[in-house]
Amino acid sequence: MRLTAAAILIALGLAGQAQAKPPLAAWVQMTGAGAQVRAVAAGKACPRLRLDGRPRAMSLRAGPDEAFDIRICVATLPAGAKRVSVAGEPLPAPKARPRRLVIFGDTGCRLKSPVVQDCNDPVAGWPFARVAALAAARKPDLVIHVGDYYYRETACPPGDAACAGSPHGDKWPTWKAELFDPAAGLLKAAPWVFTRGNHEDCNRGGRGWFRLLDADAKVRECPAQSDTFMVDIGGVTLGVVDSADSDDVRPQPEQVEAFGNNLAPLEAAKTPVWLITHRPIWEIFRTGPQVFTDSGGNVNEREAVKARGLGETTELIVAGHLHTFYSLDFAGGRRPQLVVGTGGDVLDSSKAQAVVQGTISVDGAQAAVFGMDRFGYFVFDRVGNGSADDWAGAFHDLTDAVIASCALHAGRLTCAEGQGAKE
C-alpha cells in the first residue's frame, strides 16, 4: 500500500503522541555523581527526555520482572541544566545553591498485623498526601526524605474498610501507593535526596529501594548496603549515610565498624556537613507529659561516633526513624541533631502533641531538647549569601501552622514554640 505525504505526516504525528505517553512516575534526585532524572515506564521503551529544548535518550536502570513489571529509566543531568521534561511533563531542575529545603521522613502507611493504619483516609488516617501537598505549596528548592517509605508489608485484613484494596509486599503497586502517588506534586516541585530507612532493609523493602531510589549507578542485589554519598548545595555538603542495618539496642562490633566506615567520607569535606541518615545517633523518648529521657538507643552508631568522630566540619545531624519531632542542642562541641519522622506513618504517641522543652542528659552530655508528636514537615530557609550561612527553620503541622521555630547558627540548633503552638 502506498501512503500519501499527508498520511505519512499523520502517522508520524500519532507515533510522536504515543512516544510522549506520560511515564507512571518521574522525578529528579541528587546523587554523589550529580543530579539524575529517573522515570518509571510501563511500555517497552524508556520515555524521551528533553534538556533545555533538546531531546536526549534515557537508559534502562532496571527491566521488568514479576514484582516490578515496569521499566526504570535514568539519565544524568549536566550541571547548569535549566529546563527538564520527560514525555512532555516538566520536572524541576536542580539549583546550585538551594535556599529552601523541606525535610521529613517515615511516610508510608503501616500494614503489618496487628497494626492497621487507615490507608484509605488521607485526612485523619494516613496524611502523607496532605503533608506532601502542603510542602509543595512552600515551593522548596530541595526535598530531603530521611527514610522509611515502605510499610505495607502484609495484606489488609478481610473486611477492613480502613485499608481495603491496598497493595502490599515489596513490588511496584505498593511503592506507587506508598510514595509516588501521594507525593506526585512534591516530586514535580523540587529535586529530592533519598535516604535509606530500616523499612528498606533487605528483609522488607530492599528490592524496591535498590531498583527505584538508591543513588548508586547500578542496581544492587540484596544483601547490600547503600554507599555514603555527598551532595554539594552551596556552602553546605549533605553527607547521606546508610544506617538501615544498625541495631538499635544490641551492641554488635561489626555494625560499629560498618557505620564508622560509612562516616569516613564526611571527613574529607571542605564545607560544613549535614549528616543525613535514618536512625538518630542520639535517641530519646517522651516518658511523661513534660519529660524526655535518653533511651540509650542506637548503641552501634553511638559507639562508632565515639571511636571515629564525625569530622571537623560536621555541623548538624538530620534523621527520622522515631515518629516524632525533636531537636537536641548540646553544649561543649557535640553536634546538634534534628529528627523529623512525622511524614504520615503512625506517630509514637497520638496524645503527645503538646510541646515539651527542657534540658536532659543524653549519652553523658547535657542537651536542650524541644519536641512534640505531630504530623507535618520541616522547612529550612537559608539566611545570608556568604560561605557560612545561617538557617531558619519552621515545623508545620497538618493545619500548616508553625509549631516550632528553629535557628541553626555557628553549630548550634535552637528551637522554640512557634505561633501556631500558642493558639
Protein backbone atom coordinates (compact mmCIF):
# COMPACT_ATOMS: atom_id res chain seq x y z
CA MET A 1 0.00 0.00 0.00
CA ARG A 2 1.32 3.41 -0.99
CA LEU A 3 0.97 6.20 1.56
CA THR A 4 0.41 9.81 0.60
CA ALA A 5 2.55 12.54 2.12
CA ALA A 6 -0.39 13.61 4.32
CA ALA A 7 -0.84 10.06 5.60
CA ILE A 8 2.84 9.81 6.44
CA LEU A 9 2.68 13.06 8.40
CA ILE A 10 -0.38 11.84 10.29
CA ALA A 11 1.35 8.54 11.07
CA LEU A 12 4.43 10.34 12.32
CA GLY A 13 2.27 12.58 14.47
CA LEU A 14 0.49 9.60 16.02
CA ALA A 15 3.83 7.93 16.67
CA GLY A 16 5.06 11.06 18.37
CA GLN A 17 1.96 11.14 20.54
CA ALA A 18 2.48 7.51 21.51
CA GLN A 19 6.11 8.18 22.35
CA ALA A 20 5.06 11.14 24.52
CA LYS A 21 2.83 8.97 26.72
CA PRO A 22 3.46 10.11 30.30
CA PRO A 23 5.51 7.79 32.49
CA LEU A 24 3.98 6.20 35.57
CA ALA A 25 6.31 8.36 37.67
CA ALA A 26 9.22 10.72 37.01
CA TRP A 27 11.45 12.70 39.33
CA VAL A 28 14.86 14.33 39.81
CA GLN A 29 17.10 13.05 42.56
CA MET A 30 20.53 14.05 43.81
CA THR A 31 23.35 11.51 43.89
CA GLY A 32 27.08 11.59 44.54
CA ALA A 33 27.61 11.90 40.78
CA GLY A 34 25.21 14.84 40.41
CA ALA A 35 21.54 15.09 39.59
CA GLN A 36 19.65 12.33 37.81
CA VAL A 37 16.28 12.10 36.13
CA ARG A 38 14.54 8.82 36.81
CA ALA A 39 11.30 7.58 35.30
CA VAL A 40 9.06 4.54 35.62
CA ALA A 41 7.61 3.38 32.32
CA ALA A 42 5.02 0.70 31.57
CA GLY A 43 5.90 0.27 27.89
CA LYS A 44 8.72 -1.46 26.08
CA ALA A 45 10.97 1.60 25.90
CA CYS A 46 12.16 4.42 28.12
CA PRO A 47 10.39 7.77 27.71
CA ARG A 48 12.05 10.62 25.88
CA LEU A 49 13.84 13.25 27.92
CA ARG A 50 14.29 16.87 26.83
CA LEU A 51 17.04 19.04 28.28
CA ASP A 52 16.95 22.75 27.51
CA GLY A 53 14.89 22.06 24.41
CA ARG A 54 16.98 19.19 23.06
CA PRO A 55 15.95 15.52 23.02
CA ARG A 56 18.03 13.04 24.96
CA ALA A 57 17.63 9.32 25.43
CA MET A 58 17.21 7.74 28.85
CA SER A 59 18.95 4.46 29.60
CA LEU A 60 17.50 1.41 31.31
CA ARG A 61 18.30 1.12 35.02
CA ALA A 62 16.17 -1.97 35.69
CA GLY A 63 13.93 -4.04 33.46
CA PRO A 64 10.62 -5.69 34.32
CA ASP A 65 10.20 -8.78 36.44
CA GLU A 66 7.35 -10.44 38.33
CA ALA A 67 7.27 -7.94 41.23
CA PHE A 68 8.26 -4.86 39.23
CA ASP A 69 6.54 -5.21 35.86
CA ILE A 70 7.91 -1.84 34.77
CA ARG A 71 11.00 -0.25 33.31
CA ILE A 72 13.04 2.08 35.47
CA CYS A 73 14.93 4.57 33.34
CA VAL A 74 17.67 7.06 34.16
CA ALA A 75 19.66 9.96 32.72
CA THR A 76 22.31 12.15 34.32
CA LEU A 77 21.63 15.88 34.23
CA PRO A 78 24.52 18.12 33.21
CA ALA A 79 25.39 20.91 35.61
CA GLY A 80 23.50 24.07 34.77
CA ALA A 81 20.52 22.40 33.11
CA LYS A 82 17.56 24.78 33.19
CA ARG A 83 14.61 23.06 31.51
CA VAL A 84 13.85 19.38 32.05
CA SER A 85 10.88 17.34 30.87
CA VAL A 86 10.00 13.67 30.41
CA ALA A 87 7.43 12.84 27.73
CA GLY A 88 6.37 16.47 27.78
CA GLU A 89 5.92 16.67 31.57
CA PRO A 90 8.18 19.32 33.16
CA LEU A 91 10.46 18.38 36.04
CA PRO A 92 12.38 20.67 38.42
CA ALA A 93 15.98 21.47 37.52
CA PRO A 94 18.41 21.41 40.47
CA LYS A 95 19.76 24.66 41.85
CA ALA A 96 23.44 25.01 42.69
CA ARG A 97 22.57 26.87 45.85
CA PRO A 98 19.08 25.90 47.05
CA ARG A 99 17.67 28.34 49.55
CA ARG A 100 14.59 26.49 50.79
CA LEU A 101 14.70 22.88 51.92
CA VAL A 102 11.83 20.62 53.00
CA ILE A 103 12.65 17.77 55.39
CA PHE A 104 10.54 14.84 56.60
CA GLY A 105 10.52 11.05 56.74
CA ASP A 106 8.64 7.91 57.84
CA THR A 107 5.88 8.46 55.33
CA GLY A 108 4.33 5.10 54.38
CA CYS A 109 1.06 3.59 55.56
CA ARG A 110 1.52 0.84 58.13
CA LEU A 111 0.02 -2.53 57.29
CA LYS A 112 1.73 -5.12 59.42
CA SER A 113 -0.53 -7.28 61.52
CA PRO A 114 -1.82 -6.44 64.07
CA VAL A 115 -1.29 -2.71 63.30
CA VAL A 116 -3.57 -1.50 60.51
CA GLN A 117 -3.39 2.17 59.57
CA ASP A 118 -6.31 3.74 57.72
CA CYS A 119 -4.61 3.99 54.32
CA ASN A 120 -7.89 4.93 52.66
CA ASP A 121 -8.35 8.08 54.75
CA PRO A 122 -5.86 10.75 53.59
CA VAL A 123 -7.16 13.26 56.14
CA ALA A 124 -7.11 11.59 59.54
CA GLY A 125 -5.86 8.07 58.81
CA TRP A 126 -2.76 8.44 56.64
CA PRO A 127 -1.96 12.12 55.98
CA PHE A 128 1.18 11.81 53.84
CA ALA A 129 -0.57 13.19 50.76
CA ARG A 130 -1.54 16.29 52.73
CA VAL A 131 1.96 16.68 54.17
CA ALA A 132 3.39 16.48 50.65
CA ALA A 133 0.86 18.93 49.20
CA LEU A 134 1.45 21.48 51.95
CA ALA A 135 5.21 21.12 51.50
CA ALA A 136 4.91 21.57 47.72
CA ALA A 137 2.97 24.80 48.26
CA ARG A 138 6.07 26.19 50.05
CA LYS A 139 7.93 25.96 46.71
CA PRO A 140 11.06 24.25 48.03
CA ASP A 141 14.30 24.07 46.08
CA LEU A 142 15.17 20.65 47.51
CA VAL A 143 13.36 17.89 49.43
CA ILE A 144 15.22 15.66 51.90
CA HIS A 145 13.49 12.41 52.83
CA VAL A 146 15.15 10.77 55.83
CA GLY A 147 13.91 7.26 55.07
CA ASP A 148 11.12 4.71 55.61
CA TYR A 149 8.80 4.72 52.61
CA TYR A 150 7.62 1.11 52.62
CA TYR A 151 5.23 0.00 55.39
CA ARG A 152 2.58 -2.13 53.65
CA GLU A 153 4.20 -5.44 54.48
CA THR A 154 1.12 -7.65 54.93
CA ALA A 155 -2.32 -7.81 53.39
CA CYS A 156 -5.22 -5.76 54.64
CA PRO A 157 -7.37 -7.97 56.89
CA PRO A 158 -10.55 -9.20 55.13
CA GLY A 159 -13.48 -6.86 55.64
CA ASP A 160 -11.38 -3.97 56.98
CA ALA A 161 -12.56 -0.86 55.14
CA ALA A 162 -9.64 1.17 56.50
CA CYS A 163 -7.24 -0.46 54.06
CA ALA A 164 -9.47 -2.37 51.63
CA GLY A 165 -7.90 -2.69 48.20
CA SER A 166 -4.42 -1.77 49.35
CA PRO A 167 -1.45 -3.46 47.68
CA HIS A 168 1.22 -4.96 49.91
CA GLY A 169 4.64 -6.51 49.60
CA ASP A 170 7.84 -5.20 48.01
CA LYS A 171 6.53 -4.63 44.47
CA TRP A 172 5.71 -1.73 42.19
CA PRO A 173 1.99 -1.27 43.04
CA THR A 174 2.95 -0.94 46.71
CA TRP A 175 5.72 1.59 46.08
CA LYS A 176 3.37 3.52 43.80
CA ALA A 177 0.75 3.70 46.56
CA GLU A 178 3.27 4.44 49.31
CA LEU A 179 5.33 7.18 47.61
CA PHE A 180 4.76 8.05 44.00
CA ASP A 181 1.00 8.71 44.09
CA PRO A 182 0.71 10.72 47.33
CA ALA A 183 3.92 12.68 46.67
CA ALA A 184 3.35 13.29 42.94
CA GLY A 185 3.03 17.06 43.31
CA LEU A 186 6.08 17.37 45.53
CA LEU A 187 8.15 15.21 43.17
CA LYS A 188 7.35 17.74 40.44
CA ALA A 189 8.11 20.69 42.72
CA ALA A 190 11.77 20.05 43.56
CA PRO A 191 14.62 17.55 43.30
CA TRP A 192 14.86 15.04 46.17
CA VAL A 193 17.56 13.49 48.32
CA PHE A 194 16.53 9.95 49.28
CA THR A 195 17.83 8.25 52.43
CA ARG A 196 17.52 4.53 53.06
CA GLY A 197 15.50 3.61 56.16
CA ASN A 198 15.26 0.38 58.09
CA HIS A 199 12.00 -0.36 56.27
CA GLU A 200 14.11 -0.54 53.12
CA ASP A 201 16.46 -3.15 54.54
CA CYS A 202 16.77 -6.45 52.73
CA ASN A 203 14.15 -8.14 54.90
CA ARG A 204 11.49 -5.60 53.91
CA GLY A 205 11.58 -3.14 51.02
CA GLY A 206 15.21 -3.51 49.98
CA ARG A 207 14.50 -4.71 46.46
CA GLY A 208 12.30 -1.75 45.62
CA TRP A 209 14.77 0.62 47.27
CA PHE A 210 17.74 -0.51 45.20
CA ARG A 211 15.76 -0.52 41.95
CA LEU A 212 13.96 2.77 42.38
CA LEU A 213 15.76 5.14 44.74
CA ASP A 214 19.29 4.07 45.63
CA ALA A 215 21.85 6.65 44.46
CA ASP A 216 24.34 4.11 43.11
CA ALA A 217 24.70 3.87 39.33
CA LYS A 218 23.95 0.12 39.32
CA VAL A 219 21.09 -1.77 40.92
CA ARG A 220 22.40 -3.83 43.83
CA GLU A 221 21.09 -7.21 44.84
CA CYS A 222 20.41 -7.98 48.49
CA PRO A 223 22.14 -8.37 50.83
CA ALA A 224 23.69 -4.95 50.27
CA GLN A 225 24.18 -1.50 51.72
CA SER A 226 23.95 1.91 50.11
CA ASP A 227 27.19 3.81 49.76
CA THR A 228 27.61 7.13 51.51
CA PHE A 229 27.28 9.97 49.01
CA MET A 230 27.86 13.70 49.20
CA VAL A 231 25.65 16.45 47.74
CA ASP A 232 27.02 19.98 47.48
CA ILE A 233 24.22 22.51 48.00
CA GLY A 234 26.41 25.61 48.00
CA GLY A 235 28.20 26.30 51.26
CA VAL A 236 26.85 23.09 52.83
CA THR A 237 27.52 19.46 51.93
CA LEU A 238 24.89 16.83 52.64
CA GLY A 239 26.54 13.56 53.66
CA VAL A 240 23.89 10.85 53.14
CA VAL A 241 24.75 7.79 55.24
CA ASP A 242 23.01 4.40 55.27
CA SER A 243 22.01 3.34 58.80
CA ALA A 244 19.28 0.88 57.81
CA ASP A 245 21.02 -2.18 59.26
CA SER A 246 22.26 -0.67 62.55
CA ASP A 247 20.72 -2.46 65.51
CA ASP A 248 19.09 0.00 67.90
CA VAL A 249 19.78 -1.81 71.17
CA ARG A 250 22.19 -4.75 70.82
CA PRO A 251 25.91 -3.89 70.65
CA GLN A 252 27.47 -5.56 67.61
CA PRO A 253 31.12 -4.80 66.82
CA GLU A 254 30.72 -5.46 63.09
CA GLN A 255 27.95 -2.85 62.92
CA VAL A 256 30.06 -0.32 64.81
CA GLU A 257 32.80 -0.85 62.24
CA ALA A 258 30.38 -0.69 59.29
CA PHE A 259 28.76 2.55 60.41
CA GLY A 260 32.18 4.04 61.15
CA ASN A 261 33.26 3.20 57.61
CA ASN A 262 30.09 4.82 56.28
CA LEU A 263 31.05 8.02 58.12
CA ALA A 264 34.55 8.15 56.63
CA PRO A 265 33.68 10.22 53.51
CA LEU A 266 32.45 13.06 55.72
CA GLU A 267 35.99 13.67 56.96
CA ALA A 268 37.16 14.97 53.57
CA ALA A 269 34.51 17.68 53.21
CA LYS A 270 35.75 21.26 52.90
CA THR A 271 32.44 22.92 53.73
CA PRO A 272 30.06 22.42 56.69
CA VAL A 273 28.49 18.95 56.54
CA TRP A 274 24.99 17.89 57.48
CA LEU A 275 24.91 14.17 58.22
CA ILE A 276 21.66 12.87 56.72
CA THR A 277 20.76 9.40 57.98
CA HIS A 278 17.69 7.46 59.04
CA ARG A 279 18.38 6.37 62.60
CA PRO A 280 19.18 9.18 65.04
CA ILE A 281 22.56 8.85 66.71
CA TRP A 282 21.04 10.13 69.95
CA GLU A 283 17.62 8.66 70.52
CA ILE A 284 15.28 9.98 73.18
CA PHE A 285 11.75 9.06 74.21
CA ARG A 286 8.94 11.02 75.79
CA THR A 287 8.23 9.27 79.07
CA GLY A 288 5.70 11.69 80.52
CA PRO A 289 3.62 14.76 79.61
CA GLN A 290 6.60 17.06 80.15
CA VAL A 291 9.51 14.61 80.27
CA PHE A 292 12.04 13.36 77.72
CA THR A 293 14.58 10.66 78.59
CA ASP A 294 17.66 9.30 76.86
CA SER A 295 16.59 5.90 75.50
CA GLY A 296 20.14 4.64 75.18
CA GLY A 297 19.18 3.51 71.69
CA ASN A 298 21.29 3.18 68.54
CA VAL A 299 24.24 1.95 70.54
CA ASN A 300 26.23 0.90 67.48
CA GLU A 301 26.03 4.35 65.90
CA ARG A 302 26.97 5.99 69.19
CA GLU A 303 29.99 3.75 69.59
CA ALA A 304 31.07 4.40 66.00
CA VAL A 305 30.89 8.15 66.55
CA LYS A 306 32.85 7.88 69.79
CA ALA A 307 35.52 5.79 68.09
CA ARG A 308 35.80 7.73 64.87
CA GLY A 309 34.19 11.13 65.37
CA LEU A 310 32.09 12.93 62.80
CA GLY A 311 34.78 15.01 61.14
CA GLU A 312 35.70 18.57 61.98
CA THR A 313 33.28 20.10 59.51
CA THR A 314 30.12 18.22 60.52
CA GLU A 315 27.62 20.82 61.68
CA LEU A 316 24.27 19.03 62.05
CA ILE A 317 22.70 15.57 62.15
CA VAL A 318 19.31 15.11 60.46
CA ALA A 319 17.36 11.88 60.96
CA GLY A 320 13.95 10.22 61.28
CA HIS A 321 13.11 6.67 62.45
CA LEU A 322 11.26 7.85 65.56
CA HIS A 323 7.80 9.06 64.58
CA THR A 324 8.07 12.38 66.30
CA PHE A 325 9.75 15.77 66.01
CA TYR A 326 12.59 16.76 68.29
CA SER A 327 15.79 18.74 68.37
CA LEU A 328 18.84 18.30 70.59
CA ASP A 329 21.29 21.15 71.12
CA PHE A 330 24.43 20.21 73.04
CA ALA A 331 26.87 22.49 74.73
CA GLY A 332 30.54 21.60 74.63
CA GLY A 333 31.04 20.80 70.96
CA ARG A 334 28.78 17.80 70.30
CA ARG A 335 26.83 18.24 67.07
CA PRO A 336 23.14 19.13 67.30
CA GLN A 337 20.50 16.75 65.98
CA LEU A 338 17.15 17.24 64.27
CA VAL A 339 14.59 14.41 63.98
CA VAL A 340 11.62 14.73 61.61
CA GLY A 341 9.90 11.34 61.45
CA THR A 342 6.48 12.95 61.01
CA GLY A 343 5.52 12.33 57.38
CA GLY A 344 2.50 10.04 57.72
CA ASP A 345 3.14 6.73 59.46
CA VAL A 346 1.65 6.14 62.92
CA LEU A 347 3.09 8.63 65.41
CA ASP A 348 4.92 7.45 68.52
CA SER A 349 2.01 8.87 70.52
CA SER A 350 -1.34 10.32 69.48
CA LYS A 351 -1.61 12.07 72.85
CA ALA A 352 1.68 13.99 72.89
CA GLN A 353 1.00 16.96 70.63
CA ALA A 354 1.89 19.47 73.33
CA VAL A 355 5.36 20.98 73.03
CA VAL A 356 7.97 19.95 75.60
CA GLN A 357 11.15 21.92 76.24
CA GLY A 358 13.84 21.29 78.81
CA THR A 359 17.35 20.07 79.50
CA ILE A 360 18.29 16.40 79.76
CA SER A 361 21.39 14.25 79.86
CA VAL A 362 21.98 12.32 76.63
CA ASP A 363 24.86 9.86 76.45
CA GLY A 364 26.72 11.75 79.16
CA ALA A 365 26.20 15.28 77.82
CA GLN A 366 23.63 17.93 78.64
CA ALA A 367 21.29 18.90 75.85
CA ALA A 368 18.47 21.35 75.36
CA VAL A 369 15.53 19.36 74.00
CA PHE A 370 12.43 20.51 72.13
CA GLY A 371 9.82 18.07 70.88
CA MET A 372 6.25 17.01 70.16
CA ASP A 373 4.37 14.29 68.28
CA ARG A 374 2.59 15.79 65.28
CA PHE A 375 2.32 15.02 61.60
CA GLY A 376 3.96 17.61 59.45
CA TYR A 377 7.07 18.80 57.63
CA PHE A 378 10.08 20.98 58.34
CA VAL A 379 11.22 23.92 56.23
CA PHE A 380 14.81 25.18 56.38
CA ASP A 381 15.47 28.58 54.79
CA ARG A 382 18.98 29.81 54.08
CA VAL A 383 19.72 33.16 55.70
CA GLY A 384 22.51 35.12 54.03
CA ASN A 385 24.67 34.79 50.94
CA GLY A 386 28.10 34.02 52.38
CA SER A 387 30.12 30.89 52.89
CA ALA A 388 28.87 30.41 56.47
CA ASP A 389 25.12 30.99 56.17
CA ASP A 390 22.64 30.68 58.99
CA TRP A 391 19.43 28.70 58.55
CA ALA A 392 15.95 29.48 59.84
CA GLY A 393 13.62 26.53 60.33
CA ALA A 394 9.89 26.01 60.89
CA PHE A 395 7.90 22.87 61.61
CA HIS A 396 4.43 23.00 60.03
CA ASP A 397 1.62 20.69 61.17
CA LEU A 398 -1.37 19.48 59.14
CA THR A 399 -3.12 22.83 59.53
CA ASP A 400 0.07 24.42 58.15
CA ALA A 401 0.54 26.28 61.42
CA VAL A 402 4.12 26.86 62.55
CA ILE A 403 4.52 24.78 65.72
CA ALA A 404 8.27 25.17 66.09
CA SER A 405 10.68 27.91 65.01
CA CYS A 406 14.33 26.90 64.86
CA ALA A 407 17.66 28.53 64.05
CA LEU A 408 20.99 26.97 63.07
CA HIS A 409 23.89 29.29 63.82
CA ALA A 410 27.56 28.57 64.45
CA GLY A 411 26.95 24.86 65.08
CA ARG A 412 24.07 25.38 67.49
CA LEU A 413 20.44 24.45 66.80
CA THR A 414 17.85 26.20 68.92
CA CYS A 415 14.11 25.60 68.70
CA ALA A 416 11.21 27.36 70.40
CA GLU A 417 7.44 27.33 70.18
CA GLY A 418 6.04 28.81 67.00
CA GLN A 419 2.98 30.97 66.93
CA GLY A 420 0.78 28.03 65.95
CA ALA A 421 1.65 26.18 69.17
CA LYS A 422 0.31 29.07 71.23
CA GLU A 423 -3.04 29.41 69.52
